[in-house]
Amino acid sequence: MGLYVDPNSMVHGFLRVRNGTFTTFDVPGAVNYTSAYGINSAGQIVGSFYDGTTSHGFLTEGAAFTTFDVPGARVTEARGINPTGQIVGLFLDARGAHGFVATPKR
């Protein structure tokens, strides 16, 4: 799991599956950048993507993507996810850089 740069300088997320093959992905609406930073035992992947204006966080479960921003943030990046689905990351606002923990609704 991570990112790679293609010959056109576009950044894509990828997941290496057990048989050694790679699955690549881009968040719908991403412009030139999708990066996968964390994965949990359930296969949920988190990361960030650029939409042409700023970076946002994402969570993907299979083919379904959920995008999110910390309220009031100019930039949001999801960097890790634990087995219960809590997401950690960082965000930038007018006061600087901060960390966050997001707990999913059940």
PDB file of N, CA and C in Angstrom:
ATOM      1  N   MET A   1       0.844  -1.145   0.000  1.00  0.00           N
ATOM      2  CA  MET A   1       0.000   0.000   0.000  1.00  0.00           C
ATOM      3  C   MET A   1       0.900   1.221   0.000  1.00  0.00           C
ATOM      4  N   GLY A   2       0.513   2.231  -0.796  1.00  0.00           N
ATOM      5  CA  GLY A   2       1.301   3.443  -0.883  1.00  0.00           C
ATOM      6  C   GLY A   2       0.922   4.265  -2.086  1.00  0.00           C
ATOM      7  N   LEU A   3       1.946   4.831  -2.725  1.00  0.00           N
ATOM      8  CA  LEU A   3       1.723   5.656  -3.902  1.00  0.00           C
ATOM      9  C   LEU A   3       2.812   5.384  -4.918  1.00  0.00           C
ATOM     10  N   TYR A   4       2.525   5.707  -6.176  1.00  0.00           N
ATOM     11  CA  TYR A   4       3.538   5.640  -7.222  1.00  0.00           C
ATOM     12  C   TYR A   4       3.269   6.758  -8.216  1.00  0.00           C
ATOM     13  N   VAL A   5       4.300   7.134  -8.938  1.00  0.00           N
ATOM     14  CA  VAL A   5       4.209   8.190  -9.941  1.00  0.00           C
ATOM     15  C   VAL A   5       4.290   7.543 -11.318  1.00  0.00           C
ATOM     16  N   ASP A   6       3.302   7.833 -12.176  1.00  0.00           N
ATOM     17  CA  ASP A   6       3.303   7.258 -13.520  1.00  0.00           C
ATOM     18  C   ASP A   6       4.172   8.105 -14.466  1.00  0.00           C
ATOM     19  N   PRO A   7       4.361   7.672 -15.711  1.00  0.00           N
ATOM     20  CA  PRO A   7       5.202   8.427 -16.654  1.00  0.00           C
ATOM     21  C   PRO A   7       4.720   9.849 -16.947  1.00  0.00           C
ATOM     22  N   ASN A   8       3.452  10.134 -16.652  1.00  0.00           N
ATOM     23  CA  ASN A   8       2.911  11.483 -16.860  1.00  0.00           C
ATOM     24  C   ASN A   8       2.980  12.338 -15.605  1.00  0.00           C
ATOM     25  N   SER A   9       3.749  11.879 -14.604  1.00  0.00           N
ATOM     26  CA  SER A   9       3.923  12.579 -13.323  1.00  0.00           C
ATOM     27  C   SER A   9       2.643  12.659 -12.496  1.00  0.00           C
ATOM     28  N   MET A  10       1.708  11.744 -12.732  1.00  0.00           N
ATOM     29  CA  MET A  10       0.500  11.675 -11.916  1.00  0.00           C
ATOM     30  C   MET A  10       0.726  10.661 -10.799  1.00  0.00           C
ATOM     31  N   VAL A  11       0.241  10.963  -9.604  1.00  0.00           N
ATOM     32  CA  VAL A  11       0.435  10.115  -8.429  1.00  0.00           C
ATOM     33  C   VAL A  11      -0.842   9.320  -8.181  1.00  0.00           C
ATOM     34  N   HIS A  12      -0.697   8.005  -8.001  1.00  0.00           N
ATOM     35  CA  HIS A  12      -1.815   7.096  -7.791  1.00  0.00           C
ATOM     36  C   HIS A  12      -1.586   6.278  -6.526  1.00  0.00           C
ATOM     37  N   GLY A  13      -2.664   5.862  -5.894  1.00  0.00           N
ATOM     38  CA  GLY A  13      -2.567   4.936  -4.779  1.00  0.00           C
ATOM     39  C   GLY A  13      -2.476   3.515  -5.296  1.00  0.00           C
ATOM     40  N   PHE A  14      -1.903   2.620  -4.469  1.00  0.00           N
ATOM     41  CA  PHE A  14      -1.866   1.215  -4.857  1.00  0.00           C
ATOM     42  C   PHE A  14      -1.968   0.324  -3.639  1.00  0.00           C
ATOM     43  N   LEU A  15      -2.369  -0.896  -3.880  1.00  0.00           N
ATOM     44  CA  LEU A  15      -2.429  -1.944  -2.870  1.00  0.00           C
ATOM     45  C   LEU A  15      -1.822  -3.193  -3.478  1.00  0.00           C
ATOM     46  N   ARG A  16      -0.865  -3.782  -2.784  1.00  0.00           N
ATOM     47  CA  ARG A  16      -0.283  -5.052  -3.220  1.00  0.00           C
ATOM     48  C   ARG A  16      -1.063  -6.166  -2.541  1.00  0.00           C
ATOM     49  N   VAL A  17      -1.633  -7.049  -3.337  1.00  0.00           N
ATOM     50  CA  VAL A  17      -2.428  -8.147  -2.786  1.00  0.00           C
ATOM     51  C   VAL A  17      -1.544  -9.378  -2.591  1.00  0.00           C
ATOM     52  N   ARG A  18      -2.062 -10.370  -1.908  1.00  0.00           N
ATOM     53  CA  ARG A  18      -1.269 -11.523  -1.465  1.00  0.00           C
ATOM     54  C   ARG A  18      -0.528 -12.261  -2.565  1.00  0.00           C
ATOM     55  N   ASN A  19      -1.092 -12.338  -3.754  1.00  0.00           N
ATOM     56  CA  ASN A  19      -0.432 -13.097  -4.818  1.00  0.00           C
ATOM     57  C   ASN A  19       0.660 -12.282  -5.514  1.00  0.00           C
ATOM     58  N   GLY A  20       0.951 -11.079  -4.990  1.00  0.00           N
ATOM     59  CA  GLY A  20       2.021 -10.259  -5.542  1.00  0.00           C
ATOM     60  C   GLY A  20       1.603  -9.296  -6.625  1.00  0.00           C
ATOM     61  N   THR A  21       0.303  -9.286  -6.972  1.00  0.00           N
ATOM     62  CA  THR A  21      -0.159  -8.336  -7.971  1.00  0.00           C
ATOM     63  C   THR A  21      -0.518  -7.015  -7.283  1.00  0.00           C
ATOM     64  N   PHE A  22      -0.614  -5.975  -8.082  1.00  0.00           N
ATOM     65  CA  PHE A  22      -0.918  -4.652  -7.567  1.00  0.00           C
ATOM     66  C   PHE A  22      -2.255  -4.171  -8.101  1.00  0.00           C
ATOM     67  N   THR A  23      -3.028  -3.540  -7.234  1.00  0.00           N
ATOM     68  CA  THR A  23      -4.258  -2.867  -7.617  1.00  0.00           C
ATOM     69  C   THR A  23      -4.010  -1.382  -7.441  1.00  0.00           C
ATOM     70  N   THR A  24      -4.244  -0.601  -8.483  1.00  0.00           N
ATOM     71  CA  THR A  24      -4.066   0.846  -8.382  1.00  0.00           C
ATOM     72  C   THR A  24      -5.422   1.511  -8.275  1.00  0.00           C
ATOM     73  N   PHE A  25      -5.447   2.693  -7.677  1.00  0.00           N
ATOM     74  CA  PHE A  25      -6.708   3.412  -7.549  1.00  0.00           C
ATOM     75  C   PHE A  25      -6.478   4.910  -7.430  1.00  0.00           C
ATOM     76  N   ASP A  26      -7.521   5.643  -7.786  1.00  0.00           N
ATOM     77  CA  ASP A  26      -7.592   7.090  -7.624  1.00  0.00           C
ATOM     78  C   ASP A  26      -8.943   7.416  -7.011  1.00  0.00           C
ATOM     79  N   VAL A  27      -8.953   8.345  -6.083  1.00  0.00           N
ATOM     80  CA  VAL A  27     -10.216   8.802  -5.512  1.00  0.00           C
ATOM     81  C   VAL A  27     -10.997   9.515  -6.613  1.00  0.00           C
ATOM     82  N   PRO A  28     -12.294   9.222  -6.777  1.00  0.00           N
ATOM     83  CA  PRO A  28     -13.082   9.955  -7.774  1.00  0.00           C
ATOM     84  C   PRO A  28     -12.993  11.462  -7.507  1.00  0.00           C
ATOM     85  N   GLY A  29     -12.669  12.231  -8.535  1.00  0.00           N
ATOM     86  CA  GLY A  29     -12.511  13.674  -8.393  1.00  0.00           C
ATOM     87  C   GLY A  29     -11.086  14.116  -8.104  1.00  0.00           C
ATOM     88  N   ALA A  30     -10.182  13.158  -7.910  1.00  0.00           N
ATOM     89  CA  ALA A  30      -8.775  13.510  -7.658  1.00  0.00           C
ATOM     90  C   ALA A  30      -8.145  14.088  -8.922  1.00  0.00           C
ATOM     91  N   VAL A  31      -7.290  15.079  -8.734  1.00  0.00           N
ATOM     92  CA  VAL A  31      -6.567  15.706  -9.832  1.00  0.00           C
ATOM     93  C   VAL A  31      -5.076  15.461  -9.606  1.00  0.00           C
ATOM     94  N   ASN A  32      -4.523  14.510 -10.333  1.00  0.00           N
ATOM     95  CA  ASN A  32      -3.078  14.225 -10.339  1.00  0.00           C
ATOM     96  C   ASN A  32      -2.494  13.658  -9.048  1.00  0.00           C
ATOM     97  N   TYR A  33      -3.300  13.395  -7.999  1.00  0.00           N
ATOM     98  CA  TYR A  33      -2.683  12.933  -6.757  1.00  0.00           C
ATOM     99  C   TYR A  33      -3.659  12.154  -5.886  1.00  0.00           C
ATOM    100  N   THR A  34      -3.339  10.894  -5.629  1.00  0.00           N
ATOM    101  CA  THR A  34      -3.997  10.066  -4.628  1.00  0.00           C
ATOM    102  C   THR A  34      -2.903   9.293  -3.914  1.00  0.00           C
ATOM    103  N   SER A  35      -2.889   9.351  -2.584  1.00  0.00           N
ATOM    104  CA  SER A  35      -1.865   8.651  -1.814  1.00  0.00           C
ATOM    105  C   SER A  35      -2.502   7.832  -0.713  1.00  0.00           C
ATOM    106  N   ALA A  36      -2.155   6.554  -0.642  1.00  0.00           N
ATOM    107  CA  ALA A  36      -2.631   5.668   0.420  1.00  0.00           C
ATOM    108  C   ALA A  36      -1.585   5.645   1.535  1.00  0.00           C
ATOM    109  N   TYR A  37      -2.005   5.935   2.763  1.00  0.00           N
ATOM    110  CA  TYR A  37      -1.074   5.995   3.895  1.00  0.00           C
ATOM    111  C   TYR A  37      -1.281   4.898   4.936  1.00  0.00           C
ATOM    112  N   GLY A  38      -2.491   4.379   5.074  1.00  0.00           N
ATOM    113  CA  GLY A  38      -2.738   3.404   6.129  1.00  0.00           C
ATOM    114  C   GLY A  38      -3.765   2.369   5.727  1.00  0.00           C
ATOM    115  N   ILE A  39      -3.631   1.182   6.306  1.00  0.00           N
ATOM    116  CA  ILE A  39      -4.585   0.093   6.065  1.00  0.00           C
ATOM    117  C   ILE A  39      -4.758  -0.677   7.366  1.00  0.00           C
ATOM    118  N   ASN A  40      -5.960  -1.179   7.613  1.00  0.00           N
ATOM    119  CA  ASN A  40      -6.186  -1.995   8.802  1.00  0.00           C
ATOM    120  C   ASN A  40      -6.486  -3.445   8.411  1.00  0.00           C
ATOM    121  N   SER A  41      -6.703  -4.277   9.408  1.00  0.00           N
ATOM    122  CA  SER A  41      -6.909  -5.710   9.159  1.00  0.00           C
ATOM    123  C   SER A  41      -8.207  -5.999   8.404  1.00  0.00           C
ATOM    124  N   ALA A  42      -9.141  -5.054   8.394  1.00  0.00           N
ATOM    125  CA  ALA A  42     -10.393  -5.228   7.643  1.00  0.00           C
ATOM    126  C   ALA A  42     -10.237  -4.811   6.180  1.00  0.00           C
ATOM    127  N   GLY A  43      -9.057  -4.308   5.809  1.00  0.00           N
ATOM    128  CA  GLY A  43      -8.822  -3.883   4.439  1.00  0.00           C
ATOM    129  C   GLY A  43      -9.248  -2.456   4.139  1.00  0.00           C
ATOM    130  N   GLN A  44      -9.641  -1.704   5.164  1.00  0.00           N
ATOM    131  CA  GLN A  44      -9.980  -0.291   4.970  1.00  0.00           C
ATOM    132  C   GLN A  44      -8.685   0.488   4.751  1.00  0.00           C
ATOM    133  N   ILE A  45      -8.679   1.364   3.756  1.00  0.00           N
ATOM    134  CA  ILE A  45      -7.494   2.146   3.416  1.00  0.00           C
ATOM    135  C   ILE A  45      -7.811   3.621   3.588  1.00  0.00           C
ATOM    136  N   VAL A  46      -6.871   4.363   4.168  1.00  0.00           N
ATOM    137  CA  VAL A  46      -7.005   5.813   4.303  1.00  0.00           C
ATOM    138  C   VAL A  46      -5.836   6.506   3.627  1.00  0.00           C
ATOM    139  N   GLY A  47      -6.056   7.768   3.283  1.00  0.00           N
ATOM    140  CA  GLY A  47      -5.001   8.551   2.662  1.00  0.00           C
ATOM    141  C   GLY A  47      -5.488   9.940   2.348  1.00  0.00           C
ATOM    142  N   SER A  48      -4.853  10.546   1.349  1.00  0.00           N
ATOM    143  CA  SER A  48      -5.245  11.887   0.945  1.00  0.00           C
ATOM    144  C   SER A  48      -5.263  11.989  -0.573  1.00  0.00           C
ATOM    145  N   PHE A  49      -5.979  12.985  -1.054  1.00  0.00           N
ATOM    146  CA  PHE A  49      -6.040  13.242  -2.488  1.00  0.00           C
ATOM    147  C   PHE A  49      -6.155  14.737  -2.706  1.00  0.00           C
ATOM    148  N   TYR A  50      -5.768  15.171  -3.878  1.00  0.00           N
ATOM    149  CA  TYR A  50      -5.820  16.576  -4.269  1.00  0.00           C
ATOM    150  C   TYR A  50      -6.927  16.753  -5.298  1.00  0.00           C
ATOM    151  N   ASP A  51      -7.766  17.758  -5.110  1.00  0.00           N
ATOM    152  CA  ASP A  51      -8.901  17.976  -6.018  1.00  0.00           C
ATOM    153  C   ASP A  51      -8.709  19.154  -6.971  1.00  0.00           C
ATOM    154  N   GLY A  52      -7.493  19.672  -7.059  1.00  0.00           N
ATOM    155  CA  GLY A  52      -7.224  20.835  -7.890  1.00  0.00           C
ATOM    156  C   GLY A  52      -7.148  22.116  -7.085  1.00  0.00           C
ATOM    157  N   THR A  53      -7.627  22.065  -5.832  1.00  0.00           N
ATOM    158  CA  THR A  53      -7.606  23.230  -4.953  1.00  0.00           C
ATOM    159  C   THR A  53      -6.844  22.943  -3.664  1.00  0.00           C
ATOM    160  N   THR A  54      -7.139  21.818  -3.024  1.00  0.00           N
ATOM    161  CA  THR A  54      -6.510  21.469  -1.749  1.00  0.00           C
ATOM    162  C   THR A  54      -6.545  19.953  -1.549  1.00  0.00           C
ATOM    163  N   SER A  55      -5.961  19.493  -0.454  1.00  0.00           N
ATOM    164  CA  SER A  55      -5.941  18.063  -0.126  1.00  0.00           C
ATOM    165  C   SER A  55      -7.043  17.730   0.861  1.00  0.00           C
ATOM    166  N   HIS A  56      -7.618  16.554   0.685  1.00  0.00           N
ATOM    167  CA  HIS A  56      -8.693  16.048   1.527  1.00  0.00           C
ATOM    168  C   HIS A  56      -8.334  14.636   1.973  1.00  0.00           C
ATOM    169  N   GLY A  57      -8.966  14.168   3.042  1.00  0.00           N
ATOM    170  CA  GLY A  57      -8.794  12.798   3.479  1.00  0.00           C
ATOM    171  C   GLY A  57      -9.777  11.889   2.771  1.00  0.00           C
ATOM    172  N   PHE A  58      -9.426  10.588   2.734  1.00  0.00           N
ATOM    173  CA  PHE A  58     -10.369   9.606   2.203  1.00  0.00           C
ATOM    174  C   PHE A  58     -10.262   8.302   2.976  1.00  0.00           C
ATOM    175  N   LEU A  59     -11.355   7.565   2.929  1.00  0.00           N
ATOM    176  CA  LEU A  59     -11.452   6.200   3.438  1.00  0.00           C
ATOM    177  C   LEU A  59     -12.043   5.386   2.309  1.00  0.00           C
ATOM    178  N   THR A  60     -11.425   4.246   1.994  1.00  0.00           N
ATOM    179  CA  THR A  60     -12.009   3.363   0.995  1.00  0.00           C
ATOM    180  C   THR A  60     -12.199   1.980   1.591  1.00  0.00           C
ATOM    181  N   GLU A  61     -13.344   1.422   1.286  1.00  0.00           N
ATOM    182  CA  GLU A  61     -13.698   0.064   1.677  1.00  0.00           C
ATOM    183  C   GLU A  61     -14.147  -0.621   0.398  1.00  0.00           C
ATOM    184  N   GLY A  62     -13.249  -1.417  -0.183  1.00  0.00           N
ATOM    185  CA  GLY A  62     -13.549  -2.007  -1.479  1.00  0.00           C
ATOM    186  C   GLY A  62     -13.564  -0.920  -2.532  1.00  0.00           C
ATOM    187  N   ALA A  63     -14.645  -0.829  -3.279  1.00  0.00           N
ATOM    188  CA  ALA A  63     -14.746   0.180  -4.331  1.00  0.00           C
ATOM    189  C   ALA A  63     -15.415   1.466  -3.849  1.00  0.00           C
ATOM    190  N   ALA A  64     -15.888   1.505  -2.587  1.00  0.00           N
ATOM    191  CA  ALA A  64     -16.581   2.679  -2.060  1.00  0.00           C
ATOM    192  C   ALA A  64     -15.597   3.646  -1.405  1.00  0.00           C
ATOM    193  N   PHE A  65     -15.660   4.913  -1.804  1.00  0.00           N
ATOM    194  CA  PHE A  65     -14.810   5.952  -1.239  1.00  0.00           C
ATOM    195  C   PHE A  65     -15.648   6.926  -0.428  1.00  0.00           C
ATOM    196  N   THR A  66     -15.160   7.291   0.741  1.00  0.00           N
ATOM    197  CA  THR A  66     -15.733   8.354   1.550  1.00  0.00           C
ATOM    198  C   THR A  66     -14.653   9.411   1.704  1.00  0.00           C
ATOM    199  N   THR A  67     -14.951  10.648   1.339  1.00  0.00           N
ATOM    200  CA  THR A  67     -13.982  11.729   1.480  1.00  0.00           C
ATOM    201  C   THR A  67     -14.405  12.613   2.648  1.00  0.00           C
ATOM    202  N   PHE A  68     -13.426  13.267   3.270  1.00  0.00           N
ATOM    203  CA  PHE A  68     -13.749  14.095   4.428  1.00  0.00           C
ATOM    204  C   PHE A  68     -12.687  15.162   4.657  1.00  0.00           C
ATOM    205  N   ASP A  69     -13.092  16.168   5.425  1.00  0.00           N
ATOM    206  CA  ASP A  69     -12.222  17.244   5.869  1.00  0.00           C
ATOM    207  C   ASP A  69     -12.487  17.505   7.342  1.00  0.00           C
ATOM    208  N   VAL A  70     -11.460  17.867   8.081  1.00  0.00           N
ATOM    209  CA  VAL A  70     -11.660  18.354   9.437  1.00  0.00           C
ATOM    210  C   VAL A  70     -12.349  19.715   9.301  1.00  0.00           C
ATOM    211  N   PRO A  71     -13.428  19.978  10.051  1.00  0.00           N
ATOM    212  CA  PRO A  71     -14.109  21.271   9.932  1.00  0.00           C
ATOM    213  C   PRO A  71     -13.145  22.441  10.140  1.00  0.00           C
ATOM    214  N   GLY A  72     -13.180  23.407   9.229  1.00  0.00           N
ATOM    215  CA  GLY A  72     -12.327  24.585   9.317  1.00  0.00           C
ATOM    216  C   GLY A  72     -10.919  24.405   8.778  1.00  0.00           C
ATOM    217  N   ALA A  73     -10.594  23.201   8.320  1.00  0.00           N
ATOM    218  CA  ALA A  73      -9.240  22.921   7.826  1.00  0.00           C
ATOM    219  C   ALA A  73      -9.069  23.380   6.386  1.00  0.00           C
ATOM    220  N   ARG A  74      -7.846  23.808   6.061  1.00  0.00           N
ATOM    221  CA  ARG A  74      -7.497  24.113   4.662  1.00  0.00           C
ATOM    222  C   ARG A  74      -6.976  22.861   3.972  1.00  0.00           C
ATOM    223  N   VAL A  75      -6.368  21.961   4.747  1.00  0.00           N
ATOM    224  CA  VAL A  75      -5.808  20.698   4.251  1.00  0.00           C
ATOM    225  C   VAL A  75      -6.136  19.618   5.268  1.00  0.00           C
ATOM    226  N   THR A  76      -6.542  18.447   4.815  1.00  0.00           N
ATOM    227  CA  THR A  76      -6.769  17.288   5.683  1.00  0.00           C
ATOM    228  C   THR A  76      -6.069  16.090   5.075  1.00  0.00           C
ATOM    229  N   GLU A  77      -5.293  15.364   5.892  1.00  0.00           N
ATOM    230  CA  GLU A  77      -4.643  14.135   5.441  1.00  0.00           C
ATOM    231  C   GLU A  77      -4.887  13.033   6.457  1.00  0.00           C
ATOM    232  N   ALA A  78      -5.454  11.923   6.013  1.00  0.00           N
ATOM    233  CA  ALA A  78      -5.630  10.741   6.855  1.00  0.00           C
ATOM    234  C   ALA A  78      -4.359   9.909   6.726  1.00  0.00           C
ATOM    235  N   ARG A  79      -3.747   9.548   7.858  1.00  0.00           N
ATOM    236  CA  ARG A  79      -2.456   8.860   7.824  1.00  0.00           C
ATOM    237  C   ARG A  79      -2.478   7.437   8.375  1.00  0.00           C
ATOM    238  N   GLY A  80      -3.507   7.063   9.116  1.00  0.00           N
ATOM    239  CA  GLY A  80      -3.563   5.713   9.657  1.00  0.00           C
ATOM    240  C   GLY A  80      -4.967   5.347  10.091  1.00  0.00           C
ATOM    241  N   ILE A  81      -5.209   4.040  10.217  1.00  0.00           N
ATOM    242  CA  ILE A  81      -6.518   3.534  10.648  1.00  0.00           C
ATOM    243  C   ILE A  81      -6.295   2.279  11.478  1.00  0.00           C
ATOM    244  N   ASN A  82      -6.962   2.199  12.634  1.00  0.00           N
ATOM    245  CA  ASN A  82      -6.779   1.026  13.492  1.00  0.00           C
ATOM    246  C   ASN A  82      -7.858  -0.024  13.219  1.00  0.00           C
ATOM    247  N   PRO A  83      -7.804  -1.184  13.873  1.00  0.00           N
ATOM    248  CA  PRO A  83      -8.773  -2.255  13.594  1.00  0.00           C
ATOM    249  C   PRO A  83     -10.227  -1.878  13.866  1.00  0.00           C
ATOM    250  N   THR A  84     -10.478  -0.891  14.746  1.00  0.00           N
ATOM    251  CA  THR A  84     -11.862  -0.482  15.014  1.00  0.00           C
ATOM    252  C   THR A  84     -12.335   0.620  14.073  1.00  0.00           C
ATOM    253  N   GLY A  85     -11.477   1.075  13.157  1.00  0.00           N
ATOM    254  CA  GLY A  85     -11.861   2.084  12.181  1.00  0.00           C
ATOM    255  C   GLY A  85     -11.549   3.508  12.572  1.00  0.00           C
ATOM    256  N   GLN A  86     -10.906   3.725  13.733  1.00  0.00           N
ATOM    257  CA  GLN A  86     -10.505   5.088  14.095  1.00  0.00           C
ATOM    258  C   GLN A  86      -9.413   5.555  13.144  1.00  0.00           C
ATOM    259  N   ILE A  87      -9.566   6.772  12.659  1.00  0.00           N
ATOM    260  CA  ILE A  87      -8.635   7.347  11.699  1.00  0.00           C
ATOM    261  C   ILE A  87      -7.817   8.435  12.387  1.00  0.00           C
ATOM    262  N   VAL A  88      -6.505   8.421  12.151  1.00  0.00           N
ATOM    263  CA  VAL A  88      -5.630   9.480  12.648  1.00  0.00           C
ATOM    264  C   VAL A  88      -5.025  10.207  11.462  1.00  0.00           C
ATOM    265  N   GLY A  89      -4.683  11.457  11.690  1.00  0.00           N
ATOM    266  CA  GLY A  89      -4.084  12.222  10.616  1.00  0.00           C
ATOM    267  C   GLY A  89      -3.693  13.600  11.063  1.00  0.00           C
ATOM    268  N   LEU A  90      -3.532  14.466  10.079  1.00  0.00           N
ATOM    269  CA  LEU A  90      -3.155  15.844  10.360  1.00  0.00           C
ATOM    270  C   LEU A  90      -3.992  16.773   9.512  1.00  0.00           C
ATOM    271  N   PHE A  91      -4.074  18.023   9.989  1.00  0.00           N
ATOM    272  CA  PHE A  91      -4.765  19.043   9.214  1.00  0.00           C
ATOM    273  C   PHE A  91      -4.087  20.381   9.434  1.00  0.00           C
ATOM    274  N   LEU A  92      -4.275  21.257   8.458  1.00  0.00           N
ATOM    275  CA  LEU A  92      -3.753  22.615   8.532  1.00  0.00           C
ATOM    276  C   LEU A  92      -4.916  23.586   8.558  1.00  0.00           C
ATOM    277  N   ASP A  93      -4.839  24.563   9.460  1.00  0.00           N
ATOM    278  CA  ASP A  93      -5.807  25.647   9.479  1.00  0.00           C
ATOM    279  C   ASP A  93      -5.049  26.963   9.616  1.00  0.00           C
ATOM    280  N   ALA A  94      -5.744  28.043   9.879  1.00  0.00           N
ATOM    281  CA  ALA A  94      -5.107  29.355   9.960  1.00  0.00           C
ATOM    282  C   ALA A  94      -4.074  29.443  11.083  1.00  0.00           C
ATOM    283  N   ARG A  95      -4.156  28.580  12.082  1.00  0.00           N
ATOM    284  CA  ARG A  95      -3.216  28.604  13.213  1.00  0.00           C
ATOM    285  C   ARG A  95      -2.036  27.670  13.024  1.00  0.00           C
ATOM    286  N   GLY A  96      -2.045  26.801  11.997  1.00  0.00           N
ATOM    287  CA  GLY A  96      -0.928  25.896  11.768  1.00  0.00           C
ATOM    288  C   GLY A  96      -1.352  24.455  11.593  1.00  0.00           C
ATOM    289  N   ALA A  97      -0.431  23.550  11.920  1.00  0.00           N
ATOM    290  CA  ALA A  97      -0.664  22.105  11.752  1.00  0.00           C
ATOM    291  C   ALA A  97      -1.115  21.486  13.064  1.00  0.00           C
ATOM    292  N   HIS A  98      -2.027  20.523  12.962  1.00  0.00           N
ATOM    293  CA  HIS A  98      -2.587  19.846  14.133  1.00  0.00           C
ATOM    294  C   HIS A  98      -2.832  18.383  13.786  1.00  0.00           C
ATOM    295  N   GLY A  99      -2.943  17.539  14.798  1.00  0.00           N
ATOM    296  CA  GLY A  99      -3.331  16.149  14.607  1.00  0.00           C
ATOM    297  C   GLY A  99      -4.813  15.969  14.881  1.00  0.00           C
ATOM    298  N   PHE A 100      -5.370  14.870  14.403  1.00  0.00           N
ATOM    299  CA  PHE A 100      -6.764  14.549  14.711  1.00  0.00           C
ATOM    300  C   PHE A 100      -6.936  13.044  14.845  1.00  0.00           C
ATOM    301  N   VAL A 101      -7.981  12.668  15.583  1.00  0.00           N
ATOM    302  CA  VAL A 101      -8.458  11.293  15.671  1.00  0.00           C
ATOM    303  C   VAL A 101      -9.945  11.350  15.351  1.00  0.00           C
ATOM    304  N   ALA A 102     -10.384  10.566  14.391  1.00  0.00           N
ATOM    305  CA  ALA A 102     -11.795  10.518  14.012  1.00  0.00           C
ATOM    306  C   ALA A 102     -12.339   9.129  14.327  1.00  0.00           C
ATOM    307  N   THR A 103     -13.431   9.086  15.055  1.00  0.00           N
ATOM    308  CA  THR A 103     -14.065   7.824  15.411  1.00  0.00           C
ATOM    309  C   THR A 103     -15.320   7.654  14.568  1.00  0.00           C
ATOM    310  N   PRO A 104     -15.414   6.545  13.823  1.00  0.00           N
ATOM    311  CA  PRO A 104     -16.581   6.356  12.957  1.00  0.00           C
ATOM    312  C   PRO A 104     -17.860   6.166  13.755  1.00  0.00           C
ATOM    313  N   LYS A 105     -18.971   6.615  13.171  1.00  0.00           N
ATOM    314  CA  LYS A 105     -20.279   6.392  13.776  1.00  0.00           C
ATOM    315  C   LYS A 105     -20.686   4.953  13.512  1.00  0.00           C
ATOM    316  N   ARG A 106     -21.255   4.310  14.486  1.00  0.00           N
ATOM    317  CA  ARG A 106     -21.710   2.916  14.343  1.00  0.00           C
ATOM    318  C   ARG A 106     -23.201   2.854  14.428  1.00  0.00           C
TER     319      ARG A 106
END
